[in-house]
PDB file of N, CA and C in Angstrom:
ATOM      1  N   UNK A   1      -7.532   0.975 -14.896  1.00  0.00           N
ATOM      2  CA  UNK A   1      -8.233   0.007 -14.092  1.00  0.00           C
ATOM      3  C   UNK A   1      -9.243   0.723 -13.203  1.00  0.00           C
ATOM      4  N   UNK A   2     -10.369   0.101 -13.032  1.00  0.00           N
ATOM      5  CA  UNK A   2     -11.406   0.660 -12.174  1.00  0.00           C
ATOM      6  C   UNK A   2     -11.696  -0.338 -11.058  1.00  0.00           C
ATOM      7  N   UNK A   3     -11.214  -0.067  -9.837  1.00  0.00           N
ATOM      8  CA  UNK A   3     -11.406  -1.027  -8.747  1.00  0.00           C
ATOM      9  C   UNK A   3     -12.865  -1.250  -8.371  1.00  0.00           C
ATOM     10  N   UNK A   4     -13.756  -0.358  -8.787  1.00  0.00           N
ATOM     11  CA  UNK A   4     -15.185  -0.549  -8.516  1.00  0.00           C
ATOM     12  C   UNK A   4     -15.794  -1.578  -9.467  1.00  0.00           C
ATOM     13  N   UNK A   5     -15.138  -1.801 -10.612  1.00  0.00           N
ATOM     14  CA  UNK A   5     -15.693  -2.694 -11.628  1.00  0.00           C
ATOM     15  C   UNK A   5     -14.822  -3.908 -11.932  1.00  0.00           C
ATOM     16  N   UNK A   6     -13.547  -3.867 -11.523  1.00  0.00           N
ATOM     17  CA  UNK A   6     -12.615  -4.936 -11.873  1.00  0.00           C
ATOM     18  C   UNK A   6     -11.889  -5.455 -10.640  1.00  0.00           C
ATOM     19  N   UNK A   7     -11.421  -6.677 -10.715  1.00  0.00           N
ATOM     20  CA  UNK A   7     -10.597  -7.256  -9.650  1.00  0.00           C
ATOM     21  C   UNK A   7      -9.153  -6.817  -9.899  1.00  0.00           C
ATOM     22  N   UNK A   8      -8.799  -5.672  -9.328  1.00  0.00           N
ATOM     23  CA  UNK A   8      -7.495  -5.058  -9.573  1.00  0.00           C
ATOM     24  C   UNK A   8      -6.357  -5.957  -9.107  1.00  0.00           C
ATOM     25  N   UNK A   9      -6.537  -6.636  -7.998  1.00  0.00           N
ATOM     26  CA  UNK A   9      -5.483  -7.518  -7.485  1.00  0.00           C
ATOM     27  C   UNK A   9      -5.149  -8.594  -8.507  1.00  0.00           C
ATOM     28  N   UNK A  10      -6.162  -9.246  -9.047  1.00  0.00           N
ATOM     29  CA  UNK A  10      -5.932 -10.292 -10.049  1.00  0.00           C
ATOM     30  C   UNK A  10      -5.309  -9.713 -11.312  1.00  0.00           C
ATOM     31  N   UNK A  11      -5.801  -8.566 -11.772  1.00  0.00           N
ATOM     32  CA  UNK A  11      -5.245  -7.946 -12.979  1.00  0.00           C
ATOM     33  C   UNK A  11      -3.763  -7.633 -12.824  1.00  0.00           C
ATOM     34  N   UNK A  12      -3.394  -7.020 -11.709  1.00  0.00           N
ATOM     35  CA  UNK A  12      -1.990  -6.644 -11.508  1.00  0.00           C
ATOM     36  C   UNK A  12      -1.112  -7.869 -11.294  1.00  0.00           C
ATOM     37  N   UNK A  13      -1.590  -8.838 -10.535  1.00  0.00           N
ATOM     38  CA  UNK A  13      -0.803 -10.069 -10.346  1.00  0.00           C
ATOM     39  C   UNK A  13      -0.577 -10.759 -11.695  1.00  0.00           C
ATOM     40  N   UNK A  14      -1.607 -10.777 -12.560  1.00  0.00           N
ATOM     41  CA  UNK A  14      -1.455 -11.371 -13.894  1.00  0.00           C
ATOM     42  C   UNK A  14      -0.470 -10.576 -14.751  1.00  0.00           C
ATOM     43  N   UNK A  15      -0.540  -9.252 -14.691  1.00  0.00           N
ATOM     44  CA  UNK A  15       0.347  -8.393 -15.488  1.00  0.00           C
ATOM     45  C   UNK A  15       1.806  -8.524 -15.066  1.00  0.00           C
ATOM     46  N   UNK A  16       2.038  -8.862 -13.805  1.00  0.00           N
ATOM     47  CA  UNK A  16       3.409  -8.909 -13.273  1.00  0.00           C
ATOM     48  C   UNK A  16       3.888 -10.336 -13.029  1.00  0.00           C
ATOM     49  N   UNK A  17       3.220 -11.301 -13.631  1.00  0.00           N
ATOM     50  CA  UNK A  17       3.566 -12.716 -13.448  1.00  0.00           C
ATOM     51  C   UNK A  17       3.605 -13.109 -11.975  1.00  0.00           C
ATOM     52  N   UNK A  18       2.698 -12.523 -11.192  1.00  0.00           N
ATOM     53  CA  UNK A  18       2.578 -12.883  -9.784  1.00  0.00           C
ATOM     54  C   UNK A  18       3.459 -12.103  -8.831  1.00  0.00           C
ATOM     55  N   UNK A  19       4.353 -11.263  -9.357  1.00  0.00           N
ATOM     56  CA  UNK A  19       5.272 -10.521  -8.487  1.00  0.00           C
ATOM     57  C   UNK A  19       4.596  -9.375  -7.743  1.00  0.00           C
ATOM     58  N   UNK A  20       3.712  -8.662  -8.384  1.00  0.00           N
ATOM     59  CA  UNK A  20       3.059  -7.518  -7.764  1.00  0.00           C
ATOM     60  C   UNK A  20       3.760  -6.211  -8.093  1.00  0.00           C
ATOM     61  N   UNK A  21       3.315  -5.154  -7.442  1.00  0.00           N
ATOM     62  CA  UNK A  21       3.814  -3.792  -7.711  1.00  0.00           C
ATOM     63  C   UNK A  21       5.173  -3.545  -7.075  1.00  0.00           C
ATOM     64  N   UNK A  22       6.006  -2.806  -7.779  1.00  0.00           N
ATOM     65  CA  UNK A  22       7.246  -2.305  -7.185  1.00  0.00           C
ATOM     66  C   UNK A  22       6.911  -1.167  -6.224  1.00  0.00           C
ATOM     67  N   UNK A  23       5.996  -0.304  -6.648  1.00  0.00           N
ATOM     68  CA  UNK A  23       5.588   0.861  -5.856  1.00  0.00           C
ATOM     69  C   UNK A  23       4.067   0.943  -5.865  1.00  0.00           C
ATOM     70  N   UNK A  24       3.479   1.210  -4.710  1.00  0.00           N
ATOM     71  CA  UNK A  24       2.033   1.416  -4.598  1.00  0.00           C
ATOM     72  C   UNK A  24       1.815   2.750  -3.907  1.00  0.00           C
ATOM     73  N   UNK A  25       1.058   3.629  -4.543  1.00  0.00           N
ATOM     74  CA  UNK A  25       0.759   4.938  -3.960  1.00  0.00           C
ATOM     75  C   UNK A  25      -0.701   4.943  -3.534  1.00  0.00           C
ATOM     76  N   UNK A  26      -0.940   5.134  -2.245  1.00  0.00           N
ATOM     77  CA  UNK A  26      -2.298   5.160  -1.697  1.00  0.00           C
ATOM     78  C   UNK A  26      -2.657   6.606  -1.402  1.00  0.00           C
ATOM     79  N   UNK A  27      -3.716   7.106  -2.046  1.00  0.00           N
ATOM     80  CA  UNK A  27      -4.103   8.503  -1.864  1.00  0.00           C
ATOM     81  C   UNK A  27      -5.597   8.670  -1.621  1.00  0.00           C
ATOM     82  N   UNK A  28      -6.273   7.600  -1.208  1.00  0.00           N
ATOM     83  CA  UNK A  28      -7.722   7.676  -1.010  1.00  0.00           C
ATOM     84  C   UNK A  28      -8.123   7.904   0.438  1.00  0.00           C
ATOM     85  N   UNK A  29      -7.294   7.484   1.369  1.00  0.00           N
ATOM     86  CA  UNK A  29      -7.651   7.576   2.778  1.00  0.00           C
ATOM     87  C   UNK A  29      -8.604   6.484   3.218  1.00  0.00           C
ATOM     88  N   UNK A  30      -8.645   5.385   2.486  1.00  0.00           N
ATOM     89  CA  UNK A  30      -9.553   4.276   2.795  1.00  0.00           C
ATOM     90  C   UNK A  30      -8.770   3.048   3.256  1.00  0.00           C
ATOM     91  N   UNK A  31      -9.241   2.405   4.319  1.00  0.00           N
ATOM     92  CA  UNK A  31      -8.608   1.189   4.829  1.00  0.00           C
ATOM     93  C   UNK A  31      -8.505   0.127   3.735  1.00  0.00           C
ATOM     94  N   UNK A  32      -9.557  -0.013   2.923  1.00  0.00           N
ATOM     95  CA  UNK A  32      -9.560  -1.029   1.864  1.00  0.00           C
ATOM     96  C   UNK A  32      -8.415  -0.806   0.869  1.00  0.00           C
ATOM     97  N   UNK A  33      -8.112   0.448   0.571  1.00  0.00           N
ATOM     98  CA  UNK A  33      -7.018   0.752  -0.360  1.00  0.00           C
ATOM     99  C   UNK A  33      -5.663   0.395   0.242  1.00  0.00           C
ATOM    100  N   UNK A  34      -5.521   0.570   1.553  1.00  0.00           N
ATOM    101  CA  UNK A  34      -4.282   0.169   2.237  1.00  0.00           C
ATOM    102  C   UNK A  34      -4.125  -1.344   2.157  1.00  0.00           C
ATOM    103  N   UNK A  35      -5.189  -2.073   2.478  1.00  0.00           N
ATOM    104  CA  UNK A  35      -5.150  -3.538   2.415  1.00  0.00           C
ATOM    105  C   UNK A  35      -4.816  -4.011   1.004  1.00  0.00           C
ATOM    106  N   UNK A  36      -5.459  -3.408   0.015  1.00  0.00           N
ATOM    107  CA  UNK A  36      -5.217  -3.779  -1.376  1.00  0.00           C
ATOM    108  C   UNK A  36      -3.774  -3.496  -1.767  1.00  0.00           C
ATOM    109  N   UNK A  37      -3.264  -2.343  -1.387  1.00  0.00           N
ATOM    110  CA  UNK A  37      -1.891  -1.988  -1.723  1.00  0.00           C
ATOM    111  C   UNK A  37      -0.878  -2.939  -1.124  1.00  0.00           C
ATOM    112  N   UNK A  38      -1.079  -3.297   0.130  1.00  0.00           N
ATOM    113  CA  UNK A  38      -0.151  -4.223   0.773  1.00  0.00           C
ATOM    114  C   UNK A  38      -0.225  -5.612   0.148  1.00  0.00           C
ATOM    115  N   UNK A  39      -1.405  -5.990  -0.306  1.00  0.00           N
ATOM    116  CA  UNK A  39      -1.560  -7.274  -0.992  1.00  0.00           C
ATOM    117  C   UNK A  39      -0.859  -7.250  -2.345  1.00  0.00           C
ATOM    118  N   UNK A  40      -0.879  -6.102  -3.000  1.00  0.00           N
ATOM    119  CA  UNK A  40      -0.310  -5.984  -4.345  1.00  0.00           C
ATOM    120  C   UNK A  40       1.197  -5.788  -4.381  1.00  0.00           C
ATOM    121  N   UNK A  41       1.794  -5.341  -3.298  1.00  0.00           N
ATOM    122  CA  UNK A  41       3.234  -5.081  -3.307  1.00  0.00           C
ATOM    123  C   UNK A  41       4.055  -6.357  -3.410  1.00  0.00           C
ATOM    124  N   UNK A  42       5.099  -6.283  -4.211  1.00  0.00           N
ATOM    125  CA  UNK A  42       6.049  -7.396  -4.257  1.00  0.00           C
ATOM    126  C   UNK A  42       6.889  -7.356  -2.987  1.00  0.00           C
ATOM    127  N   UNK A  43       7.614  -8.409  -2.726  1.00  0.00           N
ATOM    128  CA  UNK A  43       8.519  -8.419  -1.586  1.00  0.00           C
ATOM    129  C   UNK A  43       9.540  -7.300  -1.756  1.00  0.00           C
ATOM    130  N   UNK A  44       9.801  -6.572  -0.691  1.00  0.00           N
ATOM    131  CA  UNK A  44      10.681  -5.403  -0.666  1.00  0.00           C
ATOM    132  C   UNK A  44      10.138  -4.238  -1.491  1.00  0.00           C
ATOM    133  N   UNK A  45       8.823  -4.233  -1.753  1.00  0.00           N
ATOM    134  CA  UNK A  45       8.204  -3.140  -2.489  1.00  0.00           C
ATOM    135  C   UNK A  45       8.092  -1.885  -1.636  1.00  0.00           C
ATOM    136  N   UNK A  46       7.732  -0.788  -2.287  1.00  0.00           N
ATOM    137  CA  UNK A  46       7.605   0.502  -1.613  1.00  0.00           C
ATOM    138  C   UNK A  46       6.143   0.914  -1.556  1.00  0.00           C
ATOM    139  N   UNK A  47       5.655   1.190  -0.361  1.00  0.00           N
ATOM    140  CA  UNK A  47       4.281   1.644  -0.145  1.00  0.00           C
ATOM    141  C   UNK A  47       4.334   3.125   0.208  1.00  0.00           C
ATOM    142  N   UNK A  48       3.699   3.960  -0.610  1.00  0.00           N
ATOM    143  CA  UNK A  48       3.671   5.401  -0.366  1.00  0.00           C
ATOM    144  C   UNK A  48       2.269   5.770   0.104  1.00  0.00           C
ATOM    145  N   UNK A  49       2.176   6.299   1.309  1.00  0.00           N
ATOM    146  CA  UNK A  49       0.890   6.726   1.868  1.00  0.00           C
ATOM    147  C   UNK A  49       0.794   8.229   1.712  1.00  0.00           C
ATOM    148  N   UNK A  50      -0.197   8.685   0.963  1.00  0.00           N
ATOM    149  CA  UNK A  50      -0.335  10.100   0.654  1.00  0.00           C
ATOM    150  C   UNK A  50      -1.783  10.522   0.874  1.00  0.00           C
ATOM    151  N   UNK A  51      -2.293  10.303   2.070  1.00  0.00           N
ATOM    152  CA  UNK A  51      -3.677  10.667   2.349  1.00  0.00           C
ATOM    153  C   UNK A  51      -3.883  10.886   3.838  1.00  0.00           C
ATOM    154  N   UNK A  52      -5.071  11.355   4.170  1.00  0.00           N
ATOM    155  CA  UNK A  52      -5.464  11.592   5.554  1.00  0.00           C
ATOM    156  C   UNK A  52      -6.605  10.638   5.871  1.00  0.00           C
ATOM    157  N   UNK A  53      -6.524   9.986   7.023  1.00  0.00           N
ATOM    158  CA  UNK A  53      -7.536   9.019   7.424  1.00  0.00           C
ATOM    159  C   UNK A  53      -8.426   9.578   8.521  1.00  0.00           C
ATOM    160  N   UNK A  54      -9.707   9.279   8.420  1.00  0.00           N
ATOM    161  CA  UNK A  54     -10.656   9.672   9.458  1.00  0.00           C
ATOM    162  C   UNK A  54     -10.437   8.831  10.710  1.00  0.00           C
ATOM    163  N   UNK A  55     -10.228   7.530  10.519  1.00  0.00           N
ATOM    164  CA  UNK A  55     -10.036   6.582  11.614  1.00  0.00           C
ATOM    165  C   UNK A  55      -8.642   5.969  11.526  1.00  0.00           C
ATOM    166  N   UNK A  56      -8.145   5.399  12.630  1.00  0.00           N
ATOM    167  CA  UNK A  56      -6.840   4.725  12.590  1.00  0.00           C
ATOM    168  C   UNK A  56      -6.834   3.578  11.573  1.00  0.00           C
ATOM    169  N   UNK A  57      -5.703   3.380  10.944  1.00  0.00           N
ATOM    170  CA  UNK A  57      -5.531   2.304   9.964  1.00  0.00           C
ATOM    171  C   UNK A  57      -4.812   1.151  10.643  1.00  0.00           C
ATOM    172  N   UNK A  58      -5.236  -0.065  10.350  1.00  0.00           N
ATOM    173  CA  UNK A  58      -4.592  -1.239  10.937  1.00  0.00           C
ATOM    174  C   UNK A  58      -3.934  -2.080   9.845  1.00  0.00           C
ATOM    175  N   UNK A  59      -2.810  -2.676  10.205  1.00  0.00           N
ATOM    176  CA  UNK A  59      -2.096  -3.600   9.330  1.00  0.00           C
ATOM    177  C   UNK A  59      -1.892  -4.866  10.142  1.00  0.00           C
ATOM    178  N   UNK A  60      -2.515  -5.956   9.719  1.00  0.00           N
ATOM    179  CA  UNK A  60      -2.471  -7.190  10.502  1.00  0.00           C
ATOM    180  C   UNK A  60      -2.178  -8.400   9.628  1.00  0.00           C
ATOM    181  N   UNK A  61      -1.929  -9.519  10.288  1.00  0.00           N
ATOM    182  CA  UNK A  61      -1.784 -10.811   9.626  1.00  0.00           C
ATOM    183  C   UNK A  61      -0.747 -10.837   8.531  1.00  0.00           C
ATOM    184  N   UNK A  62      -1.095 -11.462   7.416  1.00  0.00           N
ATOM    185  CA  UNK A  62      -0.167 -11.638   6.299  1.00  0.00           C
ATOM    186  C   UNK A  62       0.208 -10.315   5.651  1.00  0.00           C
ATOM    187  N   UNK A  63      -0.549  -9.260   5.946  1.00  0.00           N
ATOM    188  CA  UNK A  63      -0.247  -7.957   5.370  1.00  0.00           C
ATOM    189  C   UNK A  63       0.799  -7.194   6.163  1.00  0.00           C
ATOM    190  N   UNK A  64       1.236  -7.721   7.287  1.00  0.00           N
ATOM    191  CA  UNK A  64       2.149  -6.972   8.149  1.00  0.00           C
ATOM    192  C   UNK A  64       3.497  -6.739   7.471  1.00  0.00           C
ATOM    193  N   UNK A  65       4.139  -5.654   7.843  1.00  0.00           N
ATOM    194  CA  UNK A  65       5.419  -5.281   7.234  1.00  0.00           C
ATOM    195  C   UNK A  65       6.481  -6.344   7.452  1.00  0.00           C
ATOM    196  N   UNK A  66       6.510  -6.957   8.620  1.00  0.00           N
ATOM    197  CA  UNK A  66       7.540  -7.958   8.877  1.00  0.00           C
ATOM    198  C   UNK A  66       7.312  -9.210   8.047  1.00  0.00           C
ATOM    199  N   UNK A  67       6.063  -9.548   7.786  1.00  0.00           N
ATOM    200  CA  UNK A  67       5.774 -10.735   6.983  1.00  0.00           C
ATOM    201  C   UNK A  67       6.143 -10.526   5.523  1.00  0.00           C
ATOM    202  N   UNK A  68       6.100  -9.285   5.046  1.00  0.00           N
ATOM    203  CA  UNK A  68       6.348  -8.995   3.642  1.00  0.00           C
ATOM    204  C   UNK A  68       7.672  -8.292   3.401  1.00  0.00           C
ATOM    205  N   UNK A  69       8.462  -8.034   4.437  1.00  0.00           N
ATOM    206  CA  UNK A  69       9.733  -7.313   4.317  1.00  0.00           C
ATOM    207  C   UNK A  69       9.542  -5.952   3.654  1.00  0.00           C
ATOM    208  N   UNK A  70       8.580  -5.192   4.139  1.00  0.00           N
ATOM    209  CA  UNK A  70       8.284  -3.882   3.581  1.00  0.00           C
ATOM    210  C   UNK A  70       8.822  -2.791   4.483  1.00  0.00           C
ATOM    211  N   UNK A  71       9.052  -1.626   3.897  1.00  0.00           N
ATOM    212  CA  UNK A  71       9.455  -0.457   4.674  1.00  0.00           C
ATOM    213  C   UNK A  71       8.381   0.607   4.523  1.00  0.00           C
ATOM    214  N   UNK A  72       8.096   1.302   5.615  1.00  0.00           N
ATOM    215  CA  UNK A  72       7.106   2.374   5.589  1.00  0.00           C
ATOM    216  C   UNK A  72       7.786   3.685   5.950  1.00  0.00           C
ATOM    217  N   UNK A  73       7.461   4.731   5.230  1.00  0.00           N
ATOM    218  CA  UNK A  73       7.952   6.072   5.515  1.00  0.00           C
ATOM    219  C   UNK A  73       6.739   6.977   5.586  1.00  0.00           C
ATOM    220  N   UNK A  74       6.797   7.969   6.446  1.00  0.00           N
ATOM    221  CA  UNK A  74       5.693   8.918   6.484  1.00  0.00           C
ATOM    222  C   UNK A  74       6.220  10.329   6.649  1.00  0.00           C
ATOM    223  N   UNK A  75       5.380  11.268   6.309  1.00  0.00           N
ATOM    224  CA  UNK A  75       5.687  12.681   6.467  1.00  0.00           C
ATOM    225  C   UNK A  75       4.710  13.226   7.492  1.00  0.00           C
ATOM    226  N   UNK A  76       5.221  13.761   8.555  1.00  0.00           N
ATOM    227  CA  UNK A  76       4.353  14.286   9.607  1.00  0.00           C
ATOM    228  C   UNK A  76       4.351  15.804   9.564  1.00  0.00           C
ATOM    229  N   UNK A  77       3.632  16.383  10.488  1.00  0.00           N
ATOM    230  CA  UNK A  77       3.566  17.844  10.533  1.00  0.00           C
ATOM    231  C   UNK A  77       4.873  18.460  11.023  1.00  0.00           C
ATOM    232  N   UNK A  78       5.791  17.636  11.522  1.00  0.00           N
ATOM    233  CA  UNK A  78       7.081  18.135  11.991  1.00  0.00           C
ATOM    234  C   UNK A  78       8.039  18.231  10.803  1.00  0.00           C
ATOM    235  N   UNK A  79       7.897  19.277  10.032  1.00  0.00           N
ATOM    236  CA  UNK A  79       8.717  19.431   8.831  1.00  0.00           C
ATOM    237  C   UNK A  79      10.173  19.730   9.145  1.00  0.00           C
ATOM    238  N   UNK A  80      10.491  20.026  10.405  1.00  0.00           N
ATOM    239  CA  UNK A  80      11.892  20.249  10.770  1.00  0.00           C
ATOM    240  C   UNK A  80      12.689  18.953  10.708  1.00  0.00           C
ATOM    241  N   UNK A  81      11.989  17.813  10.685  1.00  0.00           N
ATOM    242  CA  UNK A  81      12.672  16.524  10.613  1.00  0.00           C
ATOM    243  C   UNK A  81      13.225  16.267   9.214  1.00  0.00           C
ATOM    244  N   UNK A  82      12.756  17.037   8.241  1.00  0.00           N
ATOM    245  CA  UNK A  82      13.209  16.854   6.861  1.00  0.00           C
ATOM    246  C   UNK A  82      14.335  17.837   6.586  1.00  0.00           C
ATOM    247  N   UNK A  83      15.462  17.319   6.197  1.00  0.00           N
ATOM    248  CA  UNK A  83      16.610  18.196   5.917  1.00  0.00           C
ATOM    249  C   UNK A  83      17.269  17.794   4.625  1.00  0.00           C
TER     250      UNK A  83
END
C-alpha cells in the first residue's frame, strides 16, 4: 500500500471487514501517521511507536486511548527501567 497514492484507511477497513489492525507500527515520526494508526486500530489493538518526533504529538477526540480502549507503551532513554 502506498499512503501517498491510496486511501489506506479504507483499504485496511475493507480488508478486515471493518475491524481494523491488530497491531500498528508507526516509524515515520509524523503526526499524520499517528492519527492514521489510531484510526486503523481495532478495539484493544496495539500501537507501537518506533520513531522520534520533532514536535510534540497530540492525541485528541475520538482517537484518544480511553475512547478506543488502547494501551500505549514506550521506551525511553532510561534503559534501567527494562529488566
